[in-house]
Protein backbone atom coordinates (compact mmCIF):
# COMPACT_ATOMS: atom_id res chain seq x y z
CA MET A 1 -0.84 7.76 33.48
CA SER A 2 -4.60 8.20 32.87
CA MET A 3 -4.53 8.45 29.06
CA THR A 4 -6.93 6.22 27.18
CA PHE A 5 -7.91 5.41 23.60
CA ASP A 6 -11.37 5.37 22.09
CA SER A 7 -12.57 1.85 21.34
CA GLY A 8 -11.90 0.75 17.80
CA ARG A 9 -9.49 3.58 17.04
CA LEU A 10 -6.13 1.88 17.47
CA SER A 11 -3.74 1.92 14.55
CA HIS A 12 -1.78 -1.17 13.49
CA ALA A 13 1.65 0.37 14.21
CA TYR A 14 3.08 3.13 16.40
CA ILE A 15 6.39 4.85 17.00
CA THR A 16 6.85 6.48 20.38
CA THR A 17 9.79 8.10 22.13
CA ASP A 18 7.97 8.29 25.45
CA ASN A 19 7.42 5.78 28.19
CA VAL A 20 3.95 4.87 26.94
CA ALA A 21 4.64 1.62 25.07
CA GLU A 22 3.30 -0.50 27.91
CA ARG A 23 0.20 1.68 28.14
CA LEU A 24 -0.42 1.20 24.46
CA ALA A 25 0.03 -2.54 24.75
CA MET A 26 -2.46 -2.60 27.61
CA ALA A 27 -4.99 -0.74 25.44
CA VAL A 28 -4.53 -3.30 22.67
CA VAL A 29 -5.39 -6.31 24.84
CA CYS A 30 -8.04 -4.56 26.99
CA SER A 31 -11.41 -6.27 26.75
CA CYS A 32 -13.38 -3.02 27.11
CA ARG A 33 -15.18 -2.08 23.87
CA ASP A 34 -17.72 0.46 25.13
CA GLY A 35 -15.40 3.22 26.36
CA GLY A 36 -11.81 4.32 26.66
CA ARG A 37 -9.04 1.75 26.71
CA PRO A 38 -7.25 0.59 28.74
CA CYS A 39 -9.97 0.25 31.36
CA GLU A 40 -7.42 -0.92 34.00
CA SER A 41 -10.06 -3.19 35.60
CA CYS A 42 -10.42 -6.18 33.25
CA SER A 43 -8.29 -9.32 33.59
CA HIS A 44 -6.37 -8.43 30.40
CA CYS A 45 -5.33 -5.04 31.77
CA ASP A 46 -4.33 -6.65 35.03
CA LYS A 47 -2.11 -9.22 33.31
CA ALA A 48 -0.57 -6.61 31.03
CA ALA A 49 0.23 -4.39 34.03
CA ARG A 50 1.95 -7.32 35.70
CA HIS A 51 3.81 -8.20 32.49
CA ILE A 52 2.37 -11.70 32.30
CA HIS A 53 -0.11 -11.34 29.44
CA PRO A 54 0.60 -13.97 26.76
CA ASP A 55 -0.50 -11.60 23.98
CA VAL A 56 1.94 -8.82 24.87
CA ILE A 57 5.26 -9.75 23.32
CA THR A 58 8.44 -7.78 23.77
CA ILE A 59 11.40 -7.78 21.37
CA LYS A 60 14.68 -6.28 22.53
CA ARG A 61 18.38 -6.45 21.92
CA LEU A 62 20.12 -9.59 23.04
CA GLU A 63 22.38 -8.99 26.04
CA ASP A 64 25.59 -9.41 24.04
CA LYS A 65 24.46 -7.40 21.00
CA ARG A 66 24.35 -3.70 20.23
CA GLU A 67 21.52 -3.98 17.71
CA ILE A 68 18.36 -5.92 17.01
CA LEU A 69 19.17 -8.61 14.45
CA VAL A 70 17.26 -9.78 11.42
CA ASN A 71 16.83 -13.28 12.91
CA GLN A 72 14.84 -11.76 15.79
CA ILE A 73 12.46 -10.08 13.35
CA ARG A 74 12.09 -13.31 11.41
CA GLU A 75 11.09 -15.04 14.62
CA LEU A 76 8.56 -12.25 15.21
CA LYS A 77 7.21 -12.78 11.68
CA GLN A 78 6.62 -16.46 12.41
CA ASP A 79 4.74 -15.62 15.60
CA VAL A 80 2.69 -12.72 14.25
CA TYR A 81 0.41 -14.90 12.11
CA ILE A 82 -0.53 -17.09 15.09
CA MET A 83 -3.86 -16.00 16.54
CA PRO A 84 -3.94 -14.42 20.03
CA ASN A 85 -4.04 -16.71 23.05
CA GLU A 86 -6.53 -14.78 25.19
CA ALA A 87 -7.19 -11.27 23.90
CA MET A 88 -8.75 -10.15 20.60
CA GLN A 89 -5.40 -8.71 19.48
CA LYS A 90 -1.68 -9.15 20.13
CA ALA A 91 0.68 -6.30 20.97
CA TYR A 92 4.33 -6.41 19.94
CA ILE A 93 6.62 -3.95 21.73
CA VAL A 94 9.97 -3.47 19.99
CA LYS A 95 12.27 -1.81 22.51
CA ASP A 96 15.14 0.28 21.15
CA ALA A 97 13.58 -0.15 17.69
CA ASP A 98 16.03 2.40 16.29
CA THR A 99 18.84 -0.12 16.86
CA MET A 100 17.42 -2.54 14.31
CA ASN A 101 20.03 -2.99 11.60
CA THR A 102 19.04 -2.41 7.99
CA SER A 103 18.30 -6.08 7.32
CA ALA A 104 16.10 -6.26 10.41
CA GLN A 105 14.20 -3.11 9.37
CA ASN A 106 13.63 -4.43 5.87
CA ALA A 107 12.31 -7.69 7.33
CA PHE A 108 10.06 -5.69 9.67
CA LEU A 109 8.81 -3.62 6.75
CA GLN A 110 7.52 -6.79 5.09
CA ILE A 111 5.34 -7.37 8.17
CA LEU A 112 4.09 -3.78 8.23
CA GLU A 113 3.10 -3.92 4.54
CA GLU A 114 0.64 -6.78 5.11
CA PRO A 115 -0.05 -6.90 8.86
CA PRO A 116 -2.65 -9.36 10.17
CA ALA A 117 -5.70 -7.67 11.67
CA HIS A 118 -5.02 -9.09 15.12
CA ALA A 119 -1.52 -7.58 15.50
CA VAL A 120 -0.45 -4.11 16.70
CA PHE A 121 3.20 -3.08 16.64
CA ILE A 122 4.70 -0.56 19.05
CA LEU A 123 8.17 0.68 18.18
CA ARG A 124 9.86 2.41 21.07
CA ALA A 125 12.71 4.50 19.64
CA SER A 126 14.76 7.25 21.25
CA ASN A 127 15.81 8.36 17.75
CA PRO A 128 12.96 7.71 15.27
CA ALA A 129 15.06 9.33 12.49
CA ALA A 130 17.28 6.21 12.59
CA LEU A 131 14.38 4.16 11.25
CA LEU A 132 13.95 3.75 7.50
CA PRO A 133 11.53 6.29 5.99
CA THR A 134 9.50 3.36 4.61
CA VAL A 135 9.08 1.99 8.12
CA ARG A 136 8.18 5.37 9.61
CA SER A 137 5.60 6.06 6.90
CA ARG A 138 3.65 2.97 7.89
CA CYS A 139 3.44 3.92 11.57
CA VAL A 140 1.66 6.56 13.58
CA GLU A 141 4.36 8.59 15.32
CA PHE A 142 3.52 10.46 18.47
CA LYS A 143 4.42 11.26 22.08
CA ALA A 144 2.36 11.11 25.27
CA LYS A 145 1.21 14.69 24.66
CA HIS A 146 -0.25 13.64 21.33
CA MET A 147 -2.17 10.84 22.99
CA GLU A 148 -3.74 13.23 25.47
CA GLU A 149 -4.61 15.65 22.65
CA GLN A 150 -6.31 12.83 20.76
CA ASN A 151 -8.49 12.05 23.76
CA ASN A 152 -9.46 15.71 24.03
CA THR A 153 -10.46 15.93 20.37
CA SER A 154 -12.58 12.75 20.04
CA ASP A 155 -15.83 14.77 20.32
CA GLU A 156 -14.54 17.21 17.71
CA LEU A 157 -13.73 14.32 15.37
CA ASP A 158 -17.18 12.81 15.81
CA GLY A 159 -18.69 16.19 14.91
CA LEU A 160 -16.44 16.50 11.86
CA VAL A 161 -17.47 13.02 10.62
CA SER A 162 -21.14 13.94 11.06
CA ASP A 163 -20.75 17.23 9.21
CA PHE A 164 -18.82 15.52 6.41
CA LEU A 165 -21.55 12.97 5.86
CA THR A 166 -24.16 15.70 5.81
CA SER A 167 -22.15 17.65 3.22
CA LEU A 168 -22.28 14.64 0.88
CA GLU A 169 -25.98 15.40 0.32
CA GLY A 170 -24.86 18.13 -2.06
CA ASP A 171 -23.66 21.03 0.09
CA ASN A 172 -20.34 21.96 -1.51
CA VAL A 173 -19.78 24.90 0.85
CA ALA A 174 -20.17 22.60 3.89
CA LEU A 175 -17.81 20.12 2.27
CA MET A 176 -15.11 22.78 1.83
CA ARG A 177 -15.52 23.86 5.44
CA CYS A 178 -15.06 20.26 6.55
CA MET A 179 -11.85 19.99 4.51
CA PHE A 180 -10.45 23.16 6.07
CA ARG A 181 -11.02 21.59 9.48
CA LEU A 182 -9.61 18.25 8.35
CA GLU A 183 -6.31 19.58 7.04
CA LYS A 184 -5.54 21.06 10.49
CA LEU A 185 -5.60 17.65 12.20
CA ASP A 186 -2.45 15.77 13.10
CA ARG A 187 -1.83 12.51 11.24
CA LEU A 188 -3.22 10.28 14.01
CA ALA A 189 -6.49 12.25 14.17
CA PHE A 190 -6.60 12.37 10.36
CA ALA A 191 -6.33 8.58 10.18
CA THR A 192 -9.05 8.26 12.81
CA PHE A 193 -11.34 10.51 10.78
CA LEU A 194 -10.84 8.38 7.65
CA THR A 195 -11.64 5.16 9.54
CA SER A 196 -14.68 6.62 11.31
CA ALA A 197 -16.07 8.25 8.18
CA ARG A 198 -15.80 5.04 6.18
CA GLU A 199 -17.48 3.06 8.95
CA LYS A 200 -20.39 5.55 9.04
CA ILE A 201 -20.65 5.46 5.24
CA VAL A 202 -20.94 1.64 5.24
CA LEU A 203 -23.74 1.89 7.83
CA SER A 204 -25.51 4.63 5.85
CA LEU A 205 -25.41 2.58 2.65
CA ARG A 206 -27.75 0.02 4.15
CA ASP A 207 -30.65 2.48 4.25
CA SER A 208 -29.75 4.80 1.41
CA SER A 209 -32.02 5.16 -1.60
CA SER A 210 -29.31 7.00 -3.59
CA PRO A 211 -26.01 5.32 -2.69
CA LYS A 212 -23.80 6.83 -5.42
CA PRO A 213 -22.53 9.88 -3.41
CA LEU A 214 -21.71 7.56 -0.49
CA LEU A 215 -19.91 5.03 -2.71
CA ASP A 216 -17.95 7.83 -4.38
CA ALA A 217 -16.98 9.20 -0.98
CA GLU A 218 -15.87 5.77 0.25
CA ASN A 219 -13.60 5.32 -2.79
CA VAL A 220 -12.09 8.78 -2.26
CA LEU A 221 -11.46 8.05 1.43
CA LEU A 222 -9.76 4.76 0.50
CA LYS A 223 -7.42 6.71 -1.80
CA ALA A 224 -6.84 9.24 1.00
CA GLY A 225 -5.80 6.40 3.32
CA ASP A 226 -3.27 5.13 0.78
CA MET A 227 -1.86 8.65 0.44
CA LEU A 228 -1.54 8.96 4.22
CA ILE A 229 0.46 5.72 4.35
CA LEU A 230 2.78 7.17 1.65
CA ASN A 231 3.39 10.18 3.96
CA VAL A 232 1.60 12.74 1.75
CA SER A 233 0.78 15.87 3.73
CA THR A 234 -2.69 16.11 5.23
CA GLY A 235 -3.20 19.41 3.40
CA HIS A 236 -2.68 17.76 0.01
CA ILE A 237 -4.90 14.82 0.96
CA SER A 238 -7.70 17.12 2.15
CA GLY A 239 -7.47 19.05 -1.13
CA MET A 240 -7.74 15.81 -3.10
CA VAL A 241 -10.82 14.71 -1.12
CA CYS A 242 -12.50 18.05 -1.58
CA SER A 243 -11.79 18.43 -5.29
CA SER A 244 -12.85 14.84 -6.01
CA LEU A 245 -16.14 15.14 -4.21
CA LEU A 246 -16.88 18.60 -5.53
CA ARG A 247 -16.70 17.22 -9.05
CA VAL A 248 -19.03 14.42 -8.06
CA ASP A 249 -21.50 16.83 -6.45
CA SER A 250 -21.47 19.44 -9.21
């Protein structure tokens, strides 16, 4: 596979039904920060490819069990707050995640609700519907095709972020056009937009002589992120962002 991720755009949790969990884990520990990850040339990628990286941890069913048990997730919880050994982040691959019993899923949910910044969780599930809605709502769910589409739309997202920031100068028509584009994104791209836009806003605040529109936008984007976690549709979230900022600009 040749699929890569843009640096700094990894989510904290994924659900995938495809054979891409190892690729995701490699991207998490990859030391490249200037381009797509995984780079496949750094020592971290090499160790991940050979399944010997200490910061790639796999959780799977015990040989004599038909499901992942709550005690296994409790052990994961103890490990997750330990800092990485070598990489900047740790990747946890949960194989057959849809076999976690209810107690195990509830224990896992506690981790997802307050995940440490250095941990990324990859749930490999052949039947994602078997996972609790509360677990699914806190993860980005996609297949290999979605990953490739995300790579192809990174330039489009960068342009959308730029246009959005420009619209905050008082151009309500431009803002509405941005929201029409935003609501057509899938949830992974939508989350990426929110992160990138907030990062650009923070940078812009340093040199801004009139920071109020930027601060208002940052607060609205924070609310949008909370709504996305709660599984609100991207259309509704885009409408909220637009109406909130239109009132500010009017």
